[in-house]
Amino acid sequence: ATSAAGETISVLARKAVIFATGGFTHDAELRRN
C-alpha cells in the first residue's frame, strides 16, 4: 500500500487478506466499458 505522501508499506497476512473496497463508481473507464 502507498500513502498520498509516497510512502510504501508491505503488510503480510498469516492467514488471509479480505478486500472490502467498494465498487468502481468513480472510475470513468470501468464505468464506461
All heavy atoms as atom14 arrays in JSON, in Angstrom:
{
  "sequence": "ATSAAGETISVLARKAVIFATGGFTHDAELRRN",
  "atom14_mask": [
    [1, 1, 1, 1, 1, 0, 0, 0, 0, 0, 0, 0, 0, 0],
    [1, 1, 1, 1, 1, 1, 1, 0, 0, 0, 0, 0, 0, 0],
    [1, 1, 1, 1, 1, 1, 0, 0, 0, 0, 0, 0, 0, 0],
    [1, 1, 1, 1, 1, 0, 0, 0, 0, 0, 0, 0, 0, 0],
    [1, 1, 1, 1, 1, 0, 0, 0, 0, 0, 0, 0, 0, 0],
    [1, 1, 1, 1, 0, 0, 0, 0, 0, 0, 0, 0, 0, 0],
    [1, 1, 1, 1, 1, 1, 1, 1, 1, 0, 0, 0, 0, 0],
    [1, 1, 1, 1, 1, 1, 1, 0, 0, 0, 0, 0, 0, 0],
    [1, 1, 1, 1, 1, 1, 1, 1, 0, 0, 0, 0, 0, 0],
    [1, 1, 1, 1, 1, 1, 0, 0, 0, 0, 0, 0, 0, 0],
    [1, 1, 1, 1, 1, 1, 1, 0, 0, 0, 0, 0, 0, 0],
    [1, 1, 1, 1, 1, 1, 1, 1, 0, 0, 0, 0, 0, 0],
    [1, 1, 1, 1, 1, 0, 0, 0, 0, 0, 0, 0, 0, 0],
    [1, 1, 1, 1, 1, 1, 1, 1, 1, 1, 1, 0, 0, 0],
    [1, 1, 1, 1, 1, 1, 1, 1, 1, 0, 0, 0, 0, 0],
    [1, 1, 1, 1, 1, 0, 0, 0, 0, 0, 0, 0, 0, 0],
    [1, 1, 1, 1, 1, 1, 1, 0, 0, 0, 0, 0, 0, 0],
    [1, 1, 1, 1, 1, 1, 1, 1, 0, 0, 0, 0, 0, 0],
    [1, 1, 1, 1, 1, 1, 1, 1, 1, 1, 1, 0, 0, 0],
    [1, 1, 1, 1, 1, 0, 0, 0, 0, 0, 0, 0, 0, 0],
    [1, 1, 1, 1, 1, 1, 1, 0, 0, 0, 0, 0, 0, 0],
    [1, 1, 1, 1, 0, 0, 0, 0, 0, 0, 0, 0, 0, 0],
    [1, 1, 1, 1, 0, 0, 0, 0, 0, 0, 0, 0, 0, 0],
    [1, 1, 1, 1, 1, 1, 1, 1, 1, 1, 1, 0, 0, 0],
    [1, 1, 1, 1, 1, 1, 1, 0, 0, 0, 0, 0, 0, 0],
    [1, 1, 1, 1, 1, 1, 1, 1, 1, 1, 0, 0, 0, 0],
    [1, 1, 1, 1, 1, 1, 1, 1, 0, 0, 0, 0, 0, 0],
    [1, 1, 1, 1, 1, 0, 0, 0, 0, 0, 0, 0, 0, 0],
    [1, 1, 1, 1, 1, 1, 1, 1, 1, 0, 0, 0, 0, 0],
    [1, 1, 1, 1, 1, 1, 1, 1, 0, 0, 0, 0, 0, 0],
    [1, 1, 1, 1, 1, 1, 1, 1, 1, 1, 1, 0, 0, 0],
    [1, 1, 1, 1, 1, 1, 1, 1, 1, 1, 1, 0, 0, 0],
    [1, 1, 1, 1, 1, 1, 1, 1, 0, 0, 0, 0, 0, 0]
  ],
  "atom14_positions": [
    [[0.84, -1.19, 0.0], [0.0, 0.0, 0.0], [0.87, 1.24, 0.0], [2.02, 1.21, 0.46], [-0.91, 0.01, 1.23], [0.0, 0.0, 0.0], [0.0, 0.0, 0.0], [0.0, 0.0, 0.0], [0.0, 0.0, 0.0], [0.0, 0.0, 0.0], [0.0, 0.0, 0.0], [0.0, 0.0, 0.0], [0.0, 0.0, 0.0], [0.0, 0.0, 0.0]],
    [[0.31, 2.32, -0.53], [1.04, 3.59, -0.55], [0.19, 4.69, 0.07], [-1.03, 4.67, 0.0], [1.42, 3.99, -1.98], [0.23, 4.09, -2.77], [2.35, 2.98, -2.61], [0.0, 0.0, 0.0], [0.0, 0.0, 0.0], [0.0, 0.0, 0.0], [0.0, 0.0, 0.0], [0.0, 0.0, 0.0], [0.0, 0.0, 0.0], [0.0, 0.0, 0.0]],
    [[0.88, 5.65, 0.64], [0.2, 6.84, 1.17], [0.26, 7.94, 0.14], [1.04, 7.88, -0.83], [0.87, 7.3, 2.46], [2.15, 7.84, 2.17], [0.0, 0.0, 0.0], [0.0, 0.0, 0.0], [0.0, 0.0, 0.0], [0.0, 0.0, 0.0], [0.0, 0.0, 0.0], [0.0, 0.0, 0.0], [0.0, 0.0, 0.0], [0.0, 0.0, 0.0]],
    [[-0.53, 8.99, 0.33], [-0.5, 10.13, -0.59], [0.86, 10.8, -0.58], [1.26, 11.43, -1.56], [-1.59, 11.12, -0.21], [0.0, 0.0, 0.0], [0.0, 0.0, 0.0], [0.0, 0.0, 0.0], [0.0, 0.0, 0.0], [0.0, 0.0, 0.0], [0.0, 0.0, 0.0], [0.0, 0.0, 0.0], [0.0, 0.0, 0.0], [0.0, 0.0, 0.0]],
    [[1.58, 10.67, 0.53], [2.91, 11.28, 0.63], [3.99, 10.45, -0.07], [5.15, 10.86, -0.13], [3.28, 11.47, 2.1], [0.0, 0.0, 0.0], [0.0, 0.0, 0.0], [0.0, 0.0, 0.0], [0.0, 0.0, 0.0], [0.0, 0.0, 0.0], [0.0, 0.0, 0.0], [0.0, 0.0, 0.0], [0.0, 0.0, 0.0], [0.0, 0.0, 0.0]],
    [[3.61, 9.26, -0.57], [4.56, 8.45, -1.31], [5.17, 7.32, -0.54], [6.0, 6.57, -1.09], [0.0, 0.0, 0.0], [0.0, 0.0, 0.0], [0.0, 0.0, 0.0], [0.0, 0.0, 0.0], [0.0, 0.0, 0.0], [0.0, 0.0, 0.0], [0.0, 0.0, 0.0], [0.0, 0.0, 0.0], [0.0, 0.0, 0.0], [0.0, 0.0, 0.0]],
    [[4.81, 7.12, 0.71], [5.35, 6.03, 1.5], [4.73, 4.71, 1.05], [3.52, 4.62, 0.82], [5.04, 6.26, 2.98], [5.54, 5.15, 3.89], [5.13, 5.35, 5.34], [4.33, 6.27, 5.61], [5.59, 4.59, 6.2], [0.0, 0.0, 0.0], [0.0, 0.0, 0.0], [0.0, 0.0, 0.0], [0.0, 0.0, 0.0], [0.0, 0.0, 0.0]],
    [[5.55, 3.69, 0.9], [5.08, 2.35, 0.53], [5.32, 1.4, 1.7], [6.42, 1.39, 2.27], [5.8, 1.82, -0.72], [5.52, 2.68, -1.83], [5.33, 0.41, -1.06], [0.0, 0.0, 0.0], [0.0, 0.0, 0.0], [0.0, 0.0, 0.0], [0.0, 0.0, 0.0], [0.0, 0.0, 0.0], [0.0, 0.0, 0.0], [0.0, 0.0, 0.0]],
    [[4.3, 0.64, 2.04], [4.44, -0.34, 3.11], [4.01, -1.71, 2.6], [3.17, -1.82, 1.7], [3.62, 0.03, 4.37], [2.13, 0.09, 4.06], [4.11, 1.34, 4.96], [1.26, 0.2, 5.31], [0.0, 0.0, 0.0], [0.0, 0.0, 0.0], [0.0, 0.0, 0.0], [0.0, 0.0, 0.0], [0.0, 0.0, 0.0], [0.0, 0.0, 0.0]],
    [[4.61, -2.74, 3.16], [4.24, -4.13, 2.88], [3.66, -4.73, 4.15], [4.29, -4.67, 5.22], [5.48, -4.94, 2.44], [5.99, -4.43, 1.22], [0.0, 0.0, 0.0], [0.0, 0.0, 0.0], [0.0, 0.0, 0.0], [0.0, 0.0, 0.0], [0.0, 0.0, 0.0], [0.0, 0.0, 0.0], [0.0, 0.0, 0.0], [0.0, 0.0, 0.0]],
    [[2.44, -5.27, 4.02], [1.74, -5.84, 5.17], [1.42, -7.29, 4.84], [0.74, -7.58, 3.85], [0.45, -5.06, 5.48], [-0.23, -5.64, 6.71], [0.75, -3.58, 5.69], [0.0, 0.0, 0.0], [0.0, 0.0, 0.0], [0.0, 0.0, 0.0], [0.0, 0.0, 0.0], [0.0, 0.0, 0.0], [0.0, 0.0, 0.0], [0.0, 0.0, 0.0]],
    [[1.92, -8.21, 5.67], [1.69, -9.63, 5.43], [0.53, -10.15, 6.27], [0.26, -9.66, 7.37], [2.95, -10.43, 5.76], [4.18, -10.21, 4.87], [5.26, -11.24, 5.2], [3.81, -10.25, 3.4], [0.0, 0.0, 0.0], [0.0, 0.0, 0.0], [0.0, 0.0, 0.0], [0.0, 0.0, 0.0], [0.0, 0.0, 0.0], [0.0, 0.0, 0.0]],
    [[-0.14, -11.16, 5.72], [-1.25, -11.83, 6.39], [-0.88, -13.29, 6.61], [-0.61, -14.0, 5.65], [-2.52, -11.72, 5.56], [0.0, 0.0, 0.0], [0.0, 0.0, 0.0], [0.0, 0.0, 0.0], [0.0, 0.0, 0.0], [0.0, 0.0, 0.0], [0.0, 0.0, 0.0], [0.0, 0.0, 0.0], [0.0, 0.0, 0.0], [0.0, 0.0, 0.0]],
    [[-0.86, -13.72, 7.86], [-0.53, -15.11, 8.13], [-1.6, -16.05, 7.58], [-1.32, -17.17, 7.19], [-0.39, -15.34, 9.64], [0.7, -14.52, 10.3], [0.87, -14.9, 11.76], [1.8, -14.0, 12.44], [1.43, -12.93, 13.15], [0.13, -12.65, 13.27], [2.32, -12.17, 13.73], [0.0, 0.0, 0.0], [0.0, 0.0, 0.0], [0.0, 0.0, 0.0]],
    [[-2.88, -15.55, 7.57], [-3.99, -16.42, 7.14], [-4.62, -15.96, 5.83], [-4.76, -16.74, 4.9], [-5.05, -16.5, 8.24], [-4.57, -17.18, 9.51], [-5.69, -17.29, 10.53], [-5.22, -18.05, 11.78], [-6.32, -18.19, 12.78], [0.0, 0.0, 0.0], [0.0, 0.0, 0.0], [0.0, 0.0, 0.0], [0.0, 0.0, 0.0], [0.0, 0.0, 0.0]],
    [[-5.05, -14.68, 5.76], [-5.8, -14.26, 4.57], [-5.86, -12.74, 4.49], [-5.69, -12.03, 5.49], [-7.21, -14.84, 4.6], [0.0, 0.0, 0.0], [0.0, 0.0, 0.0], [0.0, 0.0, 0.0], [0.0, 0.0, 0.0], [0.0, 0.0, 0.0], [0.0, 0.0, 0.0], [0.0, 0.0, 0.0], [0.0, 0.0, 0.0], [0.0, 0.0, 0.0]],
    [[-6.14, -12.27, 3.27], [-6.45, -10.87, 3.01], [-7.92, -10.8, 2.57], [-8.32, -11.53, 1.66], [-5.55, -10.28, 1.91], [-5.95, -8.84, 1.61], [-4.08, -10.36, 2.3], [0.0, 0.0, 0.0], [0.0, 0.0, 0.0], [0.0, 0.0, 0.0], [0.0, 0.0, 0.0], [0.0, 0.0, 0.0], [0.0, 0.0, 0.0], [0.0, 0.0, 0.0]],
    [[-8.68, -9.94, 3.22], [-10.09, -9.75, 2.87], [-10.26, -8.35, 2.3], [-10.06, -7.35, 3.0], [-11.01, -9.92, 4.1], [-10.82, -11.29, 4.73], [-12.47, -9.71, 3.7], [-11.62, -11.49, 6.03], [0.0, 0.0, 0.0], [0.0, 0.0, 0.0], [0.0, 0.0, 0.0], [0.0, 0.0, 0.0], [0.0, 0.0, 0.0], [0.0, 0.0, 0.0]],
    [[-10.64, -8.26, 1.03], [-10.89, -6.96, 0.39], [-12.35, -6.57, 0.57], [-13.26, -7.4, 0.37], [-10.55, -7.01, -1.1], [-9.09, -6.8, -1.4], [-8.19, -7.86, -1.28], [-8.62, -5.56, -1.79], [-6.85, -7.68, -1.56], [-7.27, -5.36, -2.07], [-6.38, -6.43, -1.95], [0.0, 0.0, 0.0], [0.0, 0.0, 0.0], [0.0, 0.0, 0.0]],
    [[-12.57, -5.3, 0.92], [-13.92, -4.75, 1.04], [-13.85, -3.28, 0.62], [-14.2, -2.39, 1.39], [-14.44, -4.91, 2.46], [0.0, 0.0, 0.0], [0.0, 0.0, 0.0], [0.0, 0.0, 0.0], [0.0, 0.0, 0.0], [0.0, 0.0, 0.0], [0.0, 0.0, 0.0], [0.0, 0.0, 0.0], [0.0, 0.0, 0.0], [0.0, 0.0, 0.0]],
    [[-13.4, -3.06, -0.6], [-13.02, -1.72, -1.05], [-14.07, -1.01, -1.89], [-13.8, 0.06, -2.44], [-11.71, -1.8, -1.85], [-11.83, -2.83, -2.85], [-10.54, -2.14, -0.94], [0.0, 0.0, 0.0], [0.0, 0.0, 0.0], [0.0, 0.0, 0.0], [0.0, 0.0, 0.0], [0.0, 0.0, 0.0], [0.0, 0.0, 0.0], [0.0, 0.0, 0.0]],
    [[-15.27, -1.56, -2.0], [-16.31, -0.89, -2.76], [-16.18, -1.1, -4.25], [-15.23, -1.73, -4.74], [0.0, 0.0, 0.0], [0.0, 0.0, 0.0], [0.0, 0.0, 0.0], [0.0, 0.0, 0.0], [0.0, 0.0, 0.0], [0.0, 0.0, 0.0], [0.0, 0.0, 0.0], [0.0, 0.0, 0.0], [0.0, 0.0, 0.0], [0.0, 0.0, 0.0]],
    [[-17.14, -0.55, -4.99], [-17.21, -0.77, -6.42], [-16.38, 0.2, -7.23], [-15.45, 0.82, -6.72], [0.0, 0.0, 0.0], [0.0, 0.0, 0.0], [0.0, 0.0, 0.0], [0.0, 0.0, 0.0], [0.0, 0.0, 0.0], [0.0, 0.0, 0.0], [0.0, 0.0, 0.0], [0.0, 0.0, 0.0], [0.0, 0.0, 0.0], [0.0, 0.0, 0.0]],
    [[-16.77, 0.36, -8.52], [-15.98, 1.21, -9.43], [-16.77, 2.43, -9.89], [-16.56, 2.96, -10.99], [-15.45, 0.4, -10.61], [-16.47, -0.38, -11.41], [-17.16, 0.22, -12.47], [-16.71, -1.72, -11.14], [-18.06, -0.5, -13.23], [-17.62, -2.45, -11.89], [-18.29, -1.83, -12.94], [0.0, 0.0, 0.0], [0.0, 0.0, 0.0], [0.0, 0.0, 0.0]],
    [[-17.64, 2.93, -9.02], [-18.46, 4.1, -9.35], [-17.63, 5.26, -9.89], [-18.05, 5.93, -10.84], [-19.24, 4.55, -8.1], [-20.36, 3.68, -7.94], [-19.74, 5.97, -8.22], [0.0, 0.0, 0.0], [0.0, 0.0, 0.0], [0.0, 0.0, 0.0], [0.0, 0.0, 0.0], [0.0, 0.0, 0.0], [0.0, 0.0, 0.0], [0.0, 0.0, 0.0]],
    [[-16.49, 5.54, -9.3], [-15.74, 6.74, -9.66], [-14.54, 6.46, -10.56], [-13.6, 7.27, -10.6], [-15.32, 7.49, -8.39], [-16.49, 8.05, -7.64], [-17.25, 9.1, -8.12], [-17.07, 7.67, -6.46], [-18.23, 9.35, -7.27], [-18.14, 8.5, -6.26], [0.0, 0.0, 0.0], [0.0, 0.0, 0.0], [0.0, 0.0, 0.0], [0.0, 0.0, 0.0]],
    [[-14.59, 5.37, -11.3], [-13.59, 5.13, -12.33], [-14.32, 5.2, -13.68], [-15.08, 4.3, -14.04], [-12.92, 3.77, -12.15], [-11.78, 3.56, -13.14], [-12.07, 3.38, -14.35], [-10.61, 3.57, -12.72], [0.0, 0.0, 0.0], [0.0, 0.0, 0.0], [0.0, 0.0, 0.0], [0.0, 0.0, 0.0], [0.0, 0.0, 0.0], [0.0, 0.0, 0.0]],
    [[-14.07, 6.27, -14.41], [-14.84, 6.51, -15.64], [-14.61, 5.42, -16.68], [-15.54, 5.03, -17.4], [-14.45, 7.88, -16.23], [0.0, 0.0, 0.0], [0.0, 0.0, 0.0], [0.0, 0.0, 0.0], [0.0, 0.0, 0.0], [0.0, 0.0, 0.0], [0.0, 0.0, 0.0], [0.0, 0.0, 0.0], [0.0, 0.0, 0.0], [0.0, 0.0, 0.0]],
    [[-13.39, 4.9, -16.78], [-13.1, 3.87, -17.78], [-13.86, 2.59, -17.48], [-14.49, 2.0, -18.37], [-11.6, 3.61, -17.85], [-11.24, 2.58, -18.91], [-9.75, 2.27, -18.95], [-9.06, 2.56, -17.96], [-9.3, 1.74, -19.98], [0.0, 0.0, 0.0], [0.0, 0.0, 0.0], [0.0, 0.0, 0.0], [0.0, 0.0, 0.0], [0.0, 0.0, 0.0]],
    [[-13.81, 2.13, -16.25], [-14.53, 0.91, -15.89], [-16.03, 1.1, -16.04], [-16.74, 0.21, -16.55], [-14.19, 0.51, -14.45], [-12.75, 0.07, -14.18], [-12.56, -0.23, -12.7], [-12.37, -1.14, -15.03], [0.0, 0.0, 0.0], [0.0, 0.0, 0.0], [0.0, 0.0, 0.0], [0.0, 0.0, 0.0], [0.0, 0.0, 0.0], [0.0, 0.0, 0.0]],
    [[-16.52, 2.23, -15.62], [-17.96, 2.51, -15.71], [-18.41, 2.51, -17.17], [-19.42, 1.91, -17.53], [-18.25, 3.86, -15.05], [-19.66, 4.05, -14.59], [-19.82, 5.33, -13.79], [-19.48, 6.51, -14.57], [-18.45, 7.3, -14.33], [-17.63, 7.05, -13.33], [-18.22, 8.37, -15.09], [0.0, 0.0, 0.0], [0.0, 0.0, 0.0], [0.0, 0.0, 0.0]],
    [[-17.64, 3.17, -18.01], [-18.0, 3.31, -19.42], [-17.95, 1.96, -20.14], [-18.78, 1.68, -21.0], [-17.03, 4.28, -20.09], [-17.27, 4.52, -21.56], [-16.37, 5.63, -22.09], [-14.95, 5.36, -21.93], [-14.14, 5.99, -21.08], [-14.6, 6.95, -20.29], [-12.86, 5.68, -21.0], [0.0, 0.0, 0.0], [0.0, 0.0, 0.0], [0.0, 0.0, 0.0]],
    [[-17.01, 1.1, -19.79], [-16.79, -0.12, -20.55], [-17.51, -1.35, -19.99], [-17.59, -2.37, -20.69], [-15.29, -0.41, -20.64], [-14.59, 0.54, -21.59], [-14.92, 0.59, -22.76], [-13.66, 1.32, -21.07], [0.0, 0.0, 0.0], [0.0, 0.0, 0.0], [0.0, 0.0, 0.0], [0.0, 0.0, 0.0], [0.0, 0.0, 0.0], [0.0, 0.0, 0.0]]
  ]
}
